[in-house]
Amino acid sequence: MKKLIFALAMVGSLGAAALATSASAAPGAPMGVTSSETVTPVRMHHGDRRMHRRMHHRHHMKMHRHHMRHRMMHRRMNRM
């Protein structure tokens, strides 16, 4: 979970840096508007997609384990 938060923070800081450089490159244009040369489509590579899927799966399984432990704990309490 900490790695996911760290990764999202890194992506956010990179996005903010990209906005700052694009805004300084075109001072006359309103913020967020860039010329067509600076806009490039970003495609996810196979390794990135696999990493993303693995992280998503790990998070899902962690939540599933938490849910099952919680369920078992309540079942034990009800039997007493």
N, C-alpha and C. Protein backbone atom coordinates (compact mmCIF):
# COMPACT_ATOMS: atom_id res chain seq x y z
N MET A 1 0.83 -1.19 0.00
CA MET A 1 0.00 0.00 0.00
C MET A 1 0.87 1.25 0.00
N LYS A 2 1.96 1.22 0.79
CA LYS A 2 2.84 2.38 0.83
C LYS A 2 3.51 2.62 -0.52
N LYS A 3 3.85 1.52 -1.21
CA LYS A 3 4.48 1.65 -2.52
C LYS A 3 3.52 2.27 -3.51
N LEU A 4 2.23 1.89 -3.44
CA LEU A 4 1.23 2.45 -4.34
C LEU A 4 1.08 3.94 -4.10
N ILE A 5 1.01 4.35 -2.84
CA ILE A 5 0.88 5.77 -2.51
C ILE A 5 2.12 6.53 -2.98
N PHE A 6 3.30 5.93 -2.79
CA PHE A 6 4.53 6.57 -3.23
C PHE A 6 4.54 6.72 -4.75
N ALA A 7 4.09 5.68 -5.46
CA ALA A 7 4.05 5.73 -6.93
C ALA A 7 3.09 6.81 -7.41
N LEU A 8 1.93 6.92 -6.77
CA LEU A 8 0.96 7.95 -7.15
C LEU A 8 1.51 9.34 -6.86
N ALA A 9 2.24 9.48 -5.75
CA ALA A 9 2.84 10.78 -5.43
C ALA A 9 3.89 11.16 -6.47
N MET A 10 4.67 10.16 -6.91
CA MET A 10 5.69 10.43 -7.93
C MET A 10 5.06 10.85 -9.24
N VAL A 11 3.98 10.16 -9.63
CA VAL A 11 3.29 10.50 -10.88
C VAL A 11 2.71 11.91 -10.77
N GLY A 12 2.16 12.24 -9.62
CA GLY A 12 1.59 13.57 -9.41
C GLY A 12 2.65 14.66 -9.49
N SER A 13 3.81 14.39 -8.90
CA SER A 13 4.87 15.40 -8.94
C SER A 13 5.41 15.55 -10.36
N LEU A 14 5.49 14.46 -11.11
CA LEU A 14 5.94 14.55 -12.50
C LEU A 14 4.93 15.32 -13.34
N GLY A 15 3.64 15.09 -13.09
CA GLY A 15 2.60 15.83 -13.81
C GLY A 15 2.66 17.31 -13.52
N ALA A 16 2.89 17.66 -12.26
CA ALA A 16 3.00 19.07 -11.89
C ALA A 16 4.22 19.71 -12.55
N ALA A 17 5.33 18.97 -12.62
CA ALA A 17 6.53 19.49 -13.27
C ALA A 17 6.29 19.69 -14.76
N ALA A 18 5.55 18.76 -15.38
CA ALA A 18 5.26 18.89 -16.82
C ALA A 18 4.38 20.10 -17.07
N LEU A 19 3.41 20.35 -16.19
CA LEU A 19 2.55 21.52 -16.35
C LEU A 19 3.36 22.80 -16.19
N ALA A 20 4.28 22.80 -15.24
CA ALA A 20 5.09 23.99 -15.00
C ALA A 20 5.97 24.29 -16.21
N THR A 21 6.57 23.25 -16.81
CA THR A 21 7.44 23.49 -17.96
C THR A 21 6.63 23.90 -19.18
N SER A 22 5.43 23.31 -19.37
CA SER A 22 4.64 23.68 -20.54
C SER A 22 4.10 25.11 -20.38
N ALA A 23 3.78 25.50 -19.14
CA ALA A 23 3.27 26.86 -18.92
C ALA A 23 4.38 27.88 -19.15
N SER A 24 5.61 27.53 -18.78
CA SER A 24 6.70 28.48 -18.97
C SER A 24 7.14 28.53 -20.43
N ALA A 25 6.90 27.43 -21.18
CA ALA A 25 7.29 27.40 -22.59
C ALA A 25 6.37 28.28 -23.42
N ALA A 26 5.11 28.40 -23.02
CA ALA A 26 4.16 29.23 -23.75
C ALA A 26 3.56 30.25 -22.79
N PRO A 27 4.26 31.36 -22.53
CA PRO A 27 3.77 32.31 -21.53
C PRO A 27 2.50 33.04 -21.95
N GLY A 28 2.26 33.18 -23.26
CA GLY A 28 1.07 33.91 -23.71
C GLY A 28 -0.19 33.06 -23.66
N ALA A 29 -0.04 31.75 -23.66
CA ALA A 29 -1.20 30.86 -23.68
C ALA A 29 -1.74 30.67 -22.27
N PRO A 30 -3.06 30.47 -22.15
CA PRO A 30 -3.60 30.20 -20.81
C PRO A 30 -3.08 28.88 -20.26
N MET A 31 -3.11 28.73 -18.94
CA MET A 31 -2.52 27.54 -18.31
C MET A 31 -3.29 26.29 -18.73
N GLY A 32 -2.55 25.25 -19.04
CA GLY A 32 -3.17 24.00 -19.46
C GLY A 32 -3.28 23.86 -20.96
N VAL A 33 -3.14 24.96 -21.71
CA VAL A 33 -3.22 24.91 -23.16
C VAL A 33 -1.79 24.83 -23.70
N THR A 34 -1.50 23.80 -24.48
CA THR A 34 -0.16 23.64 -25.04
C THR A 34 -0.25 23.51 -26.54
N SER A 35 0.86 23.72 -27.20
CA SER A 35 0.87 23.58 -28.66
C SER A 35 0.84 22.11 -29.02
N SER A 36 0.50 21.81 -30.27
CA SER A 36 0.32 20.42 -30.68
C SER A 36 1.65 19.65 -30.70
N GLU A 37 2.80 20.35 -30.80
CA GLU A 37 4.09 19.65 -30.82
C GLU A 37 4.42 19.02 -29.48
N THR A 38 3.97 19.64 -28.39
CA THR A 38 4.33 19.13 -27.07
C THR A 38 3.42 18.00 -26.60
N VAL A 39 2.26 17.82 -27.24
CA VAL A 39 1.33 16.77 -26.82
C VAL A 39 1.68 15.49 -27.56
N THR A 40 2.04 14.46 -26.79
CA THR A 40 2.35 13.17 -27.39
C THR A 40 1.48 12.10 -26.74
N PRO A 41 0.95 11.17 -27.52
CA PRO A 41 0.14 10.11 -26.91
C PRO A 41 1.02 9.19 -26.07
N VAL A 42 0.54 8.81 -24.92
CA VAL A 42 1.31 7.94 -24.03
C VAL A 42 0.64 6.58 -24.04
N ARG A 43 1.39 5.57 -24.49
CA ARG A 43 0.86 4.22 -24.51
C ARG A 43 1.53 3.40 -23.43
N MET A 44 0.76 2.54 -22.81
CA MET A 44 1.29 1.70 -21.76
C MET A 44 2.00 0.51 -22.40
N HIS A 45 3.24 0.27 -22.00
CA HIS A 45 3.99 -0.86 -22.52
C HIS A 45 3.51 -2.14 -21.84
N HIS A 46 3.90 -3.27 -22.42
CA HIS A 46 3.49 -4.56 -21.90
C HIS A 46 3.94 -4.75 -20.44
N GLY A 47 5.19 -4.38 -20.16
CA GLY A 47 5.70 -4.52 -18.80
C GLY A 47 4.96 -3.63 -17.82
N ASP A 48 4.61 -2.40 -18.25
CA ASP A 48 3.87 -1.49 -17.38
C ASP A 48 2.48 -2.04 -17.09
N ARG A 49 1.86 -2.57 -18.13
CA ARG A 49 0.51 -3.12 -17.95
C ARG A 49 0.54 -4.31 -16.99
N ARG A 50 1.58 -5.17 -17.15
CA ARG A 50 1.72 -6.34 -16.29
C ARG A 50 1.95 -5.90 -14.84
N MET A 51 2.80 -4.89 -14.65
CA MET A 51 3.07 -4.38 -13.31
C MET A 51 1.79 -3.80 -12.70
N HIS A 52 1.04 -3.05 -13.51
CA HIS A 52 -0.20 -2.44 -13.04
C HIS A 52 -1.20 -3.52 -12.62
N ARG A 53 -1.32 -4.56 -13.47
CA ARG A 53 -2.23 -5.66 -13.15
C ARG A 53 -1.82 -6.39 -11.88
N ARG A 54 -0.49 -6.61 -11.75
CA ARG A 54 0.00 -7.31 -10.57
C ARG A 54 -0.27 -6.50 -9.30
N MET A 55 -0.05 -5.19 -9.37
CA MET A 55 -0.30 -4.34 -8.21
C MET A 55 -1.79 -4.34 -7.86
N HIS A 56 -2.63 -4.28 -8.90
CA HIS A 56 -4.07 -4.30 -8.67
C HIS A 56 -4.49 -5.63 -8.04
N HIS A 57 -3.93 -6.72 -8.55
CA HIS A 57 -4.26 -8.05 -8.03
C HIS A 57 -3.81 -8.19 -6.58
N ARG A 58 -2.59 -7.71 -6.29
CA ARG A 58 -2.07 -7.78 -4.91
C ARG A 58 -2.98 -7.02 -3.96
N HIS A 59 -3.41 -5.82 -4.37
CA HIS A 59 -4.30 -5.01 -3.53
C HIS A 59 -5.63 -5.74 -3.32
N HIS A 60 -6.17 -6.32 -4.40
CA HIS A 60 -7.44 -7.03 -4.31
C HIS A 60 -7.34 -8.22 -3.36
N MET A 61 -6.24 -8.98 -3.49
CA MET A 61 -6.06 -10.15 -2.63
C MET A 61 -5.86 -9.75 -1.17
N LYS A 62 -5.17 -8.64 -0.95
CA LYS A 62 -4.96 -8.15 0.41
C LYS A 62 -6.30 -7.79 1.04
N MET A 63 -7.15 -7.11 0.28
CA MET A 63 -8.46 -6.73 0.80
C MET A 63 -9.32 -7.97 1.03
N HIS A 64 -9.20 -8.95 0.14
CA HIS A 64 -9.95 -10.19 0.28
C HIS A 64 -9.53 -10.93 1.56
N ARG A 65 -8.21 -11.03 1.80
CA ARG A 65 -7.72 -11.69 3.02
C ARG A 65 -8.22 -10.97 4.27
N HIS A 66 -8.18 -9.63 4.22
CA HIS A 66 -8.65 -8.84 5.36
C HIS A 66 -10.13 -9.14 5.62
N HIS A 67 -10.92 -9.17 4.56
CA HIS A 67 -12.35 -9.43 4.69
C HIS A 67 -12.60 -10.82 5.27
N MET A 68 -11.86 -11.82 4.79
CA MET A 68 -12.05 -13.19 5.28
C MET A 68 -11.64 -13.34 6.74
N ARG A 69 -10.53 -12.70 7.13
CA ARG A 69 -10.11 -12.74 8.54
C ARG A 69 -11.16 -12.11 9.43
N HIS A 70 -11.69 -10.99 8.97
CA HIS A 70 -12.72 -10.28 9.72
C HIS A 70 -13.95 -11.17 9.89
N ARG A 71 -14.33 -11.85 8.81
CA ARG A 71 -15.48 -12.75 8.85
C ARG A 71 -15.26 -13.89 9.85
N MET A 72 -14.06 -14.49 9.79
CA MET A 72 -13.76 -15.61 10.68
C MET A 72 -13.76 -15.16 12.14
N MET A 73 -13.26 -13.97 12.39
CA MET A 73 -13.23 -13.45 13.75
C MET A 73 -14.66 -13.30 14.28
N HIS A 74 -15.55 -12.79 13.45
CA HIS A 74 -16.94 -12.61 13.88
C HIS A 74 -17.64 -13.95 14.05
N ARG A 75 -17.30 -14.93 13.22
CA ARG A 75 -17.90 -16.26 13.37
C ARG A 75 -17.51 -16.88 14.70
N ARG A 76 -16.24 -16.71 15.08
CA ARG A 76 -15.78 -17.25 16.37
C ARG A 76 -16.49 -16.57 17.53
N MET A 77 -16.70 -15.27 17.41
CA MET A 77 -17.38 -14.54 18.48
C MET A 77 -18.83 -15.00 18.62
N ASN A 78 -19.47 -15.26 17.49
CA ASN A 78 -20.87 -15.67 17.54
C ASN A 78 -21.03 -17.07 18.13
N ARG A 79 -20.04 -17.92 17.98
CA ARG A 79 -20.14 -19.28 18.50
C ARG A 79 -19.98 -19.34 20.01
N MET A 80 -19.34 -18.35 20.60
CA MET A 80 -19.08 -18.39 22.04
C MET A 80 -20.34 -18.16 22.84
